[in-house]
N, C-alpha and C. Protein backbone atom coordinates (compact mmCIF):
# COMPACT_ATOMS: atom_id res chain seq x y z
N MET A 1 0.85 -1.17 0.00
CA MET A 1 0.00 0.00 0.00
C MET A 1 0.90 1.24 0.00
N PRO A 2 0.59 2.21 -0.87
CA PRO A 2 1.43 3.41 -0.93
C PRO A 2 1.35 4.23 0.35
N ILE A 3 2.45 4.91 0.63
CA ILE A 3 2.49 5.80 1.79
C ILE A 3 1.95 7.16 1.36
N SER A 4 1.06 7.72 2.14
CA SER A 4 0.49 9.03 1.80
C SER A 4 1.53 10.12 2.06
N ILE A 5 1.34 11.25 1.43
CA ILE A 5 2.25 12.38 1.63
C ILE A 5 2.23 12.83 3.09
N ASP A 6 1.08 12.70 3.75
CA ASP A 6 0.98 13.07 5.18
C ASP A 6 1.97 12.25 6.00
N GLU A 7 2.00 10.93 5.73
CA GLU A 7 2.89 10.04 6.47
C GLU A 7 4.35 10.25 6.04
N GLU A 8 4.54 10.45 4.75
CA GLU A 8 5.90 10.56 4.20
C GLU A 8 6.66 11.74 4.81
N ILE A 9 6.03 12.91 4.87
CA ILE A 9 6.75 14.09 5.38
C ILE A 9 6.25 14.52 6.76
N LYS A 10 5.30 13.78 7.28
CA LYS A 10 4.73 14.08 8.61
C LYS A 10 4.33 15.56 8.70
N GLY A 11 3.61 15.98 7.67
CA GLY A 11 3.23 17.39 7.59
C GLY A 11 1.75 17.61 7.75
N ARG A 12 1.42 18.88 7.83
CA ARG A 12 0.03 19.31 7.88
C ARG A 12 -0.18 20.28 6.73
N PHE A 13 -1.40 20.31 6.24
CA PHE A 13 -1.69 21.11 5.05
C PHE A 13 -2.89 22.01 5.32
N ARG A 14 -2.87 23.21 4.72
CA ARG A 14 -3.98 24.16 4.88
C ARG A 14 -5.27 23.62 4.28
N ASN A 15 -5.14 22.96 3.12
CA ASN A 15 -6.31 22.42 2.43
C ASN A 15 -5.83 21.39 1.40
N THR A 16 -6.74 20.83 0.63
CA THR A 16 -6.35 19.79 -0.33
C THR A 16 -5.52 20.35 -1.48
N TYR A 17 -5.70 21.63 -1.82
CA TYR A 17 -4.88 22.23 -2.87
C TYR A 17 -3.42 22.34 -2.41
N HIS A 18 -3.23 22.78 -1.18
CA HIS A 18 -1.89 22.87 -0.60
C HIS A 18 -1.25 21.49 -0.54
N LYS A 19 -2.03 20.52 -0.10
CA LYS A 19 -1.54 19.14 -0.02
C LYS A 19 -1.15 18.63 -1.41
N GLY A 20 -1.99 18.92 -2.41
CA GLY A 20 -1.70 18.49 -3.78
C GLY A 20 -0.42 19.10 -4.32
N LEU A 21 -0.21 20.39 -4.04
CA LEU A 21 0.99 21.07 -4.51
C LEU A 21 2.24 20.48 -3.85
N ILE A 22 2.19 20.31 -2.55
CA ILE A 22 3.33 19.73 -1.83
C ILE A 22 3.60 18.31 -2.32
N ASN A 23 2.56 17.55 -2.53
CA ASN A 23 2.69 16.17 -3.02
C ASN A 23 3.34 16.17 -4.41
N LEU A 24 2.90 17.07 -5.27
CA LEU A 24 3.46 17.17 -6.62
C LEU A 24 4.95 17.51 -6.57
N ILE A 25 5.30 18.52 -5.79
CA ILE A 25 6.71 18.95 -5.69
C ILE A 25 7.56 17.83 -5.09
N TYR A 26 7.09 17.24 -4.02
CA TYR A 26 7.84 16.18 -3.34
C TYR A 26 8.07 14.98 -4.26
N THR A 27 7.01 14.57 -4.95
CA THR A 27 7.11 13.42 -5.85
C THR A 27 8.03 13.73 -7.03
N ALA A 28 7.90 14.92 -7.61
CA ALA A 28 8.76 15.31 -8.74
C ALA A 28 10.23 15.30 -8.32
N LYS A 29 10.52 15.80 -7.13
CA LYS A 29 11.90 15.82 -6.66
C LYS A 29 12.44 14.41 -6.44
N GLN A 30 11.61 13.52 -5.93
CA GLN A 30 12.04 12.13 -5.72
C GLN A 30 12.34 11.44 -7.05
N VAL A 31 11.44 11.58 -8.01
CA VAL A 31 11.61 10.96 -9.32
C VAL A 31 12.84 11.56 -10.02
N SER A 32 12.99 12.87 -9.96
CA SER A 32 14.12 13.55 -10.58
C SER A 32 15.43 13.08 -9.96
N TYR A 33 15.47 12.95 -8.64
CA TYR A 33 16.68 12.50 -7.95
C TYR A 33 17.11 11.13 -8.46
N LYS A 34 16.16 10.22 -8.57
CA LYS A 34 16.50 8.87 -9.04
C LYS A 34 17.02 8.90 -10.47
N PHE A 35 16.43 9.75 -11.31
CA PHE A 35 16.89 9.86 -12.70
C PHE A 35 18.29 10.46 -12.75
N VAL A 36 18.53 11.50 -11.97
CA VAL A 36 19.84 12.16 -11.95
C VAL A 36 20.92 11.19 -11.49
N GLN A 37 20.60 10.31 -10.58
CA GLN A 37 21.58 9.32 -10.12
C GLN A 37 22.02 8.41 -11.26
N SER A 38 21.10 8.05 -12.14
CA SER A 38 21.47 7.20 -13.28
C SER A 38 22.33 7.98 -14.28
N LEU A 39 22.10 9.30 -14.40
CA LEU A 39 22.91 10.12 -15.31
C LEU A 39 24.32 10.30 -14.78
N LYS A 40 24.48 10.40 -13.47
CA LYS A 40 25.79 10.62 -12.87
C LYS A 40 26.78 9.53 -13.25
N LYS A 41 26.30 8.33 -13.47
CA LYS A 41 27.17 7.21 -13.86
C LYS A 41 27.85 7.48 -15.19
N HIS A 42 27.30 8.41 -15.97
CA HIS A 42 27.85 8.74 -17.28
C HIS A 42 28.49 10.14 -17.29
N ASN A 43 28.65 10.72 -16.11
CA ASN A 43 29.29 12.02 -15.97
C ASN A 43 28.59 13.11 -16.80
N ILE A 44 27.26 13.12 -16.69
CA ILE A 44 26.46 14.10 -17.44
C ILE A 44 25.35 14.63 -16.54
N THR A 45 25.04 15.91 -16.70
CA THR A 45 23.96 16.50 -15.90
C THR A 45 22.63 16.34 -16.63
N GLU A 46 21.56 16.59 -15.90
CA GLU A 46 20.23 16.50 -16.47
C GLU A 46 20.06 17.48 -17.64
N GLN A 47 20.58 18.70 -17.47
CA GLN A 47 20.47 19.72 -18.52
C GLN A 47 21.30 19.33 -19.75
N GLN A 48 22.51 18.81 -19.53
CA GLN A 48 23.35 18.38 -20.65
C GLN A 48 22.68 17.24 -21.42
N TYR A 49 22.11 16.31 -20.68
CA TYR A 49 21.40 15.19 -21.29
C TYR A 49 20.22 15.70 -22.12
N ASN A 50 19.49 16.65 -21.58
CA ASN A 50 18.35 17.23 -22.28
C ASN A 50 18.80 17.88 -23.60
N VAL A 51 19.90 18.62 -23.57
CA VAL A 51 20.42 19.25 -24.78
C VAL A 51 20.79 18.20 -25.82
N LEU A 52 21.49 17.15 -25.40
CA LEU A 52 21.89 16.10 -26.35
C LEU A 52 20.66 15.43 -26.97
N ARG A 53 19.64 15.19 -26.17
CA ARG A 53 18.41 14.57 -26.71
C ARG A 53 17.73 15.50 -27.71
N ILE A 54 17.72 16.79 -27.44
CA ILE A 54 17.14 17.75 -28.38
C ILE A 54 17.93 17.74 -29.69
N LEU A 55 19.26 17.78 -29.57
CA LEU A 55 20.10 17.79 -30.77
C LEU A 55 19.91 16.52 -31.59
N ARG A 56 19.81 15.38 -30.91
CA ARG A 56 19.57 14.13 -31.63
C ARG A 56 18.20 14.15 -32.29
N GLY A 57 17.20 14.61 -31.58
CA GLY A 57 15.83 14.61 -32.11
C GLY A 57 15.63 15.51 -33.31
N PHE A 58 16.41 16.60 -33.40
CA PHE A 58 16.27 17.55 -34.51
C PHE A 58 17.49 17.51 -35.42
N GLN A 59 18.21 16.41 -35.39
CA GLN A 59 19.45 16.25 -36.15
C GLN A 59 19.23 16.45 -37.65
N ALA A 60 18.11 16.01 -38.16
CA ALA A 60 17.83 16.12 -39.60
C ALA A 60 17.69 17.57 -40.05
N GLU A 61 17.41 18.46 -39.10
CA GLU A 61 17.25 19.87 -39.44
C GLU A 61 18.57 20.62 -39.46
N GLY A 62 19.67 19.89 -39.29
CA GLY A 62 20.98 20.52 -39.36
C GLY A 62 21.37 21.16 -38.05
N PRO A 63 22.45 21.94 -38.06
CA PRO A 63 22.88 22.59 -36.83
C PRO A 63 21.77 23.49 -36.28
N LEU A 64 21.66 23.52 -34.96
CA LEU A 64 20.61 24.28 -34.29
C LEU A 64 21.21 25.47 -33.56
N THR A 65 20.41 26.50 -33.36
CA THR A 65 20.88 27.65 -32.60
C THR A 65 20.64 27.41 -31.11
N ILE A 66 21.34 28.17 -30.30
CA ILE A 66 21.15 28.08 -28.86
C ILE A 66 19.72 28.45 -28.50
N GLY A 67 19.16 29.44 -29.17
CA GLY A 67 17.77 29.84 -28.91
C GLY A 67 16.78 28.72 -29.19
N PHE A 68 16.99 28.00 -30.29
CA PHE A 68 16.12 26.88 -30.66
C PHE A 68 16.17 25.81 -29.57
N ILE A 69 17.38 25.51 -29.09
CA ILE A 69 17.56 24.49 -28.06
C ILE A 69 16.89 24.95 -26.76
N LYS A 70 17.12 26.20 -26.39
CA LYS A 70 16.59 26.72 -25.13
C LYS A 70 15.06 26.66 -25.09
N GLU A 71 14.41 26.92 -26.23
CA GLU A 71 12.94 26.86 -26.29
C GLU A 71 12.41 25.47 -25.94
N ARG A 72 13.21 24.45 -26.17
CA ARG A 72 12.77 23.08 -25.97
C ARG A 72 13.27 22.45 -24.68
N MET A 73 14.03 23.22 -23.92
CA MET A 73 14.58 22.70 -22.66
C MET A 73 13.49 22.51 -21.61
N LEU A 74 13.69 21.52 -20.76
CA LEU A 74 12.78 21.32 -19.64
C LEU A 74 12.97 22.42 -18.61
N ASP A 75 14.22 22.84 -18.41
CA ASP A 75 14.55 23.91 -17.48
C ASP A 75 14.85 25.16 -18.30
N LYS A 76 13.87 26.04 -18.41
CA LYS A 76 14.00 27.24 -19.26
C LYS A 76 15.02 28.24 -18.72
N HIS A 77 15.46 28.08 -17.48
CA HIS A 77 16.38 29.04 -16.87
C HIS A 77 17.83 28.56 -16.93
N SER A 78 18.09 27.53 -17.71
CA SER A 78 19.44 27.01 -17.82
C SER A 78 20.36 28.01 -18.51
N ASP A 79 21.61 28.02 -18.09
CA ASP A 79 22.63 28.85 -18.74
C ASP A 79 23.13 28.07 -19.95
N MET A 80 22.48 28.30 -21.09
CA MET A 80 22.75 27.51 -22.28
C MET A 80 24.20 27.61 -22.76
N SER A 81 24.77 28.80 -22.70
CA SER A 81 26.15 28.95 -23.18
C SER A 81 27.09 28.07 -22.37
N ARG A 82 26.92 28.06 -21.07
CA ARG A 82 27.77 27.23 -20.21
C ARG A 82 27.55 25.74 -20.48
N ILE A 83 26.31 25.33 -20.65
CA ILE A 83 26.01 23.92 -20.93
C ILE A 83 26.65 23.51 -22.25
N ILE A 84 26.50 24.35 -23.28
CA ILE A 84 27.09 24.04 -24.59
C ILE A 84 28.60 23.98 -24.48
N ASP A 85 29.21 24.90 -23.71
CA ASP A 85 30.66 24.88 -23.51
C ASP A 85 31.11 23.55 -22.92
N ARG A 86 30.40 23.06 -21.91
CA ARG A 86 30.76 21.79 -21.26
C ARG A 86 30.61 20.61 -22.23
N LEU A 87 29.52 20.62 -23.00
CA LEU A 87 29.31 19.54 -23.98
C LEU A 87 30.40 19.58 -25.05
N TYR A 88 30.80 20.77 -25.44
CA TYR A 88 31.85 20.95 -26.45
C TYR A 88 33.19 20.43 -25.90
N GLU A 89 33.50 20.77 -24.65
CA GLU A 89 34.75 20.32 -24.02
C GLU A 89 34.82 18.80 -23.95
N LYS A 90 33.68 18.15 -23.80
CA LYS A 90 33.63 16.69 -23.72
C LYS A 90 33.59 16.03 -25.10
N GLY A 91 33.50 16.85 -26.15
CA GLY A 91 33.48 16.32 -27.50
C GLY A 91 32.12 15.78 -27.94
N TRP A 92 31.07 16.16 -27.22
CA TRP A 92 29.73 15.64 -27.53
C TRP A 92 28.96 16.51 -28.51
N VAL A 93 29.42 17.77 -28.70
CA VAL A 93 28.79 18.67 -29.68
C VAL A 93 29.87 19.47 -30.40
N THR A 94 29.50 19.99 -31.56
CA THR A 94 30.33 20.98 -32.24
C THR A 94 29.59 22.30 -32.17
N ARG A 95 30.34 23.37 -32.26
CA ARG A 95 29.71 24.69 -32.31
C ARG A 95 30.52 25.55 -33.27
N GLU A 96 29.79 26.24 -34.10
CA GLU A 96 30.44 27.10 -35.09
C GLU A 96 29.71 28.43 -35.12
N GLU A 97 30.48 29.48 -35.40
CA GLU A 97 29.86 30.80 -35.56
C GLU A 97 29.04 30.80 -36.84
N ASN A 98 27.89 31.42 -36.78
CA ASN A 98 27.06 31.59 -37.96
C ASN A 98 27.70 32.70 -38.80
N PRO A 99 28.04 32.42 -40.08
CA PRO A 99 28.71 33.44 -40.89
C PRO A 99 27.86 34.69 -41.12
N ASP A 100 26.54 34.54 -41.06
CA ASP A 100 25.64 35.68 -41.26
C ASP A 100 25.45 36.52 -40.00
N ASP A 101 25.58 35.89 -38.83
CA ASP A 101 25.40 36.58 -37.56
C ASP A 101 26.36 35.97 -36.55
N ARG A 102 27.47 36.64 -36.32
CA ARG A 102 28.52 36.08 -35.48
C ARG A 102 28.09 35.89 -34.03
N ARG A 103 26.99 36.52 -33.63
CA ARG A 103 26.49 36.31 -32.26
C ARG A 103 25.81 34.96 -32.14
N GLN A 104 25.35 34.40 -33.25
CA GLN A 104 24.67 33.11 -33.26
C GLN A 104 25.70 31.98 -33.40
N LYS A 105 25.46 30.91 -32.66
CA LYS A 105 26.30 29.72 -32.78
C LYS A 105 25.43 28.60 -33.33
N SER A 106 26.02 27.81 -34.22
CA SER A 106 25.34 26.63 -34.75
C SER A 106 25.86 25.42 -33.98
N ILE A 107 24.94 24.69 -33.37
CA ILE A 107 25.29 23.57 -32.50
C ILE A 107 24.83 22.27 -33.15
N LYS A 108 25.71 21.26 -33.10
CA LYS A 108 25.40 19.97 -33.71
C LYS A 108 25.95 18.86 -32.81
N ILE A 109 25.21 17.77 -32.68
CA ILE A 109 25.68 16.63 -31.89
C ILE A 109 26.74 15.88 -32.70
N THR A 110 27.76 15.38 -32.01
CA THR A 110 28.82 14.62 -32.68
C THR A 110 28.52 13.13 -32.61
N GLU A 111 29.31 12.37 -33.32
CA GLU A 111 29.18 10.89 -33.25
C GLU A 111 29.43 10.42 -31.82
N LYS A 112 30.36 11.07 -31.15
CA LYS A 112 30.65 10.73 -29.75
C LYS A 112 29.43 11.00 -28.87
N GLY A 113 28.73 12.10 -29.13
CA GLY A 113 27.52 12.42 -28.38
C GLY A 113 26.41 11.41 -28.65
N LEU A 114 26.26 11.02 -29.91
CA LEU A 114 25.26 10.01 -30.27
C LEU A 114 25.59 8.67 -29.62
N ALA A 115 26.88 8.32 -29.60
CA ALA A 115 27.30 7.06 -28.97
C ALA A 115 26.97 7.07 -27.48
N LEU A 116 27.18 8.22 -26.84
CA LEU A 116 26.85 8.34 -25.42
C LEU A 116 25.37 8.10 -25.20
N LEU A 117 24.53 8.74 -26.00
CA LEU A 117 23.08 8.55 -25.85
C LEU A 117 22.68 7.10 -26.07
N ASN A 118 23.30 6.45 -27.05
CA ASN A 118 23.01 5.03 -27.28
C ASN A 118 23.43 4.20 -26.07
N GLU A 119 24.57 4.54 -25.51
CA GLU A 119 25.06 3.84 -24.32
C GLU A 119 24.14 4.07 -23.13
N MET A 120 23.50 5.23 -23.11
CA MET A 120 22.63 5.60 -21.99
C MET A 120 21.18 5.15 -22.18
N TYR A 121 20.92 4.38 -23.20
CA TYR A 121 19.54 3.94 -23.45
C TYR A 121 18.94 3.28 -22.21
N HIS A 122 19.79 2.56 -21.46
CA HIS A 122 19.27 1.91 -20.25
C HIS A 122 18.77 2.94 -19.22
N CYS A 123 19.34 4.16 -19.22
CA CYS A 123 18.84 5.21 -18.33
C CYS A 123 17.40 5.56 -18.68
N GLU A 124 17.13 5.61 -19.98
CA GLU A 124 15.76 5.90 -20.42
C GLU A 124 14.82 4.78 -20.00
N LYS A 125 15.27 3.55 -20.17
CA LYS A 125 14.44 2.41 -19.78
C LYS A 125 14.21 2.40 -18.27
N GLU A 126 15.25 2.74 -17.51
CA GLU A 126 15.13 2.83 -16.06
C GLU A 126 14.15 3.93 -15.67
N SER A 127 14.18 5.05 -16.40
CA SER A 127 13.27 6.15 -16.07
C SER A 127 11.82 5.74 -16.31
N ASP A 128 11.59 4.87 -17.30
CA ASP A 128 10.23 4.37 -17.51
C ASP A 128 9.73 3.63 -16.27
N LYS A 129 10.63 2.96 -15.59
CA LYS A 129 10.25 2.19 -14.41
C LYS A 129 9.83 3.08 -13.24
N LEU A 130 10.23 4.36 -13.27
CA LEU A 130 9.88 5.25 -12.17
C LEU A 130 8.37 5.44 -12.06
N LEU A 131 7.65 5.21 -13.14
CA LEU A 131 6.19 5.32 -13.11
C LEU A 131 5.52 3.95 -13.30
N SER A 132 6.28 2.89 -13.15
CA SER A 132 5.76 1.56 -13.47
C SER A 132 4.66 1.08 -12.53
N ASN A 133 4.50 1.73 -11.39
CA ASN A 133 3.40 1.32 -10.51
C ASN A 133 2.07 1.90 -10.96
N LEU A 134 2.09 2.65 -12.09
CA LEU A 134 0.87 3.16 -12.69
C LEU A 134 0.56 2.37 -13.96
N SER A 135 -0.70 2.17 -14.24
CA SER A 135 -1.11 1.52 -15.48
C SER A 135 -0.94 2.53 -16.62
N PRO A 136 -0.92 2.06 -17.88
CA PRO A 136 -0.86 3.00 -19.00
C PRO A 136 -2.00 4.02 -18.98
N GLU A 137 -3.17 3.60 -18.55
CA GLU A 137 -4.30 4.52 -18.46
C GLU A 137 -4.06 5.57 -17.38
N GLU A 138 -3.48 5.15 -16.26
CA GLU A 138 -3.19 6.09 -15.17
C GLU A 138 -2.11 7.09 -15.60
N VAL A 139 -1.11 6.62 -16.34
CA VAL A 139 -0.07 7.54 -16.83
C VAL A 139 -0.69 8.55 -17.80
N ALA A 140 -1.60 8.10 -18.66
CA ALA A 140 -2.28 9.02 -19.57
C ALA A 140 -3.08 10.05 -18.78
N GLU A 141 -3.76 9.62 -17.72
CA GLU A 141 -4.52 10.53 -16.87
C GLU A 141 -3.59 11.50 -16.14
N LEU A 142 -2.46 10.99 -15.66
CA LEU A 142 -1.46 11.84 -15.01
C LEU A 142 -0.99 12.93 -15.98
N ASN A 143 -0.68 12.55 -17.20
CA ASN A 143 -0.25 13.51 -18.21
C ASN A 143 -1.34 14.55 -18.49
N ARG A 144 -2.58 14.10 -18.57
CA ARG A 144 -3.68 15.02 -18.81
C ARG A 144 -3.81 16.02 -17.67
N LEU A 145 -3.71 15.53 -16.43
CA LEU A 145 -3.83 16.41 -15.27
C LEU A 145 -2.65 17.39 -15.18
N LEU A 146 -1.46 16.92 -15.46
CA LEU A 146 -0.30 17.82 -15.42
C LEU A 146 -0.40 18.89 -16.50
N ASP A 147 -0.87 18.50 -17.69
CA ASP A 147 -1.09 19.49 -18.75
C ASP A 147 -2.12 20.52 -18.29
N LYS A 148 -3.17 20.04 -17.63
CA LYS A 148 -4.22 20.94 -17.17
C LYS A 148 -3.70 21.93 -16.13
N ILE A 149 -2.82 21.47 -15.25
CA ILE A 149 -2.23 22.35 -14.24
C ILE A 149 -1.46 23.48 -14.92
N ARG A 150 -0.70 23.16 -15.98
CA ARG A 150 0.12 24.17 -16.66
C ARG A 150 -0.71 25.16 -17.48
N MET A 151 -1.97 24.88 -17.72
CA MET A 151 -2.83 25.77 -18.51
C MET A 151 -3.16 27.05 -17.75
N LYS A 152 -3.00 27.07 -16.47
CA LYS A 152 -3.37 28.23 -15.64
C LYS A 152 -2.52 29.42 -15.96
């Protein structure tokens, strides 16, 4: 039987909305922590991993700009220049100045970056297990409810 948020944090809540918010934050942090632990084994941060996945997903569209990548990030407040610098230092991306606008950089995933993502496929499979105590219908409902929360 699952442990309720009341029991988990031994807290009190003003009302069910407050309880729901605390439960959402607490659960998200727990799931995120477990995912980050699997990424650490590959010496990569959650933000770096997110950038590599974006680059792989839009690879057919050629080199991408930092702005394009940032729009698709899970964490919109990430310091993209610093993240790209770290990925570049590790050889996972290339970056080139745009000849038309030197302020723009064109970013592309390298073969080494693609190989890392392939090697990390088990991290993705492990992350699927983080919600495995829910049925596919419950996960669909969870997604619907989370989308609804963001509509506000």
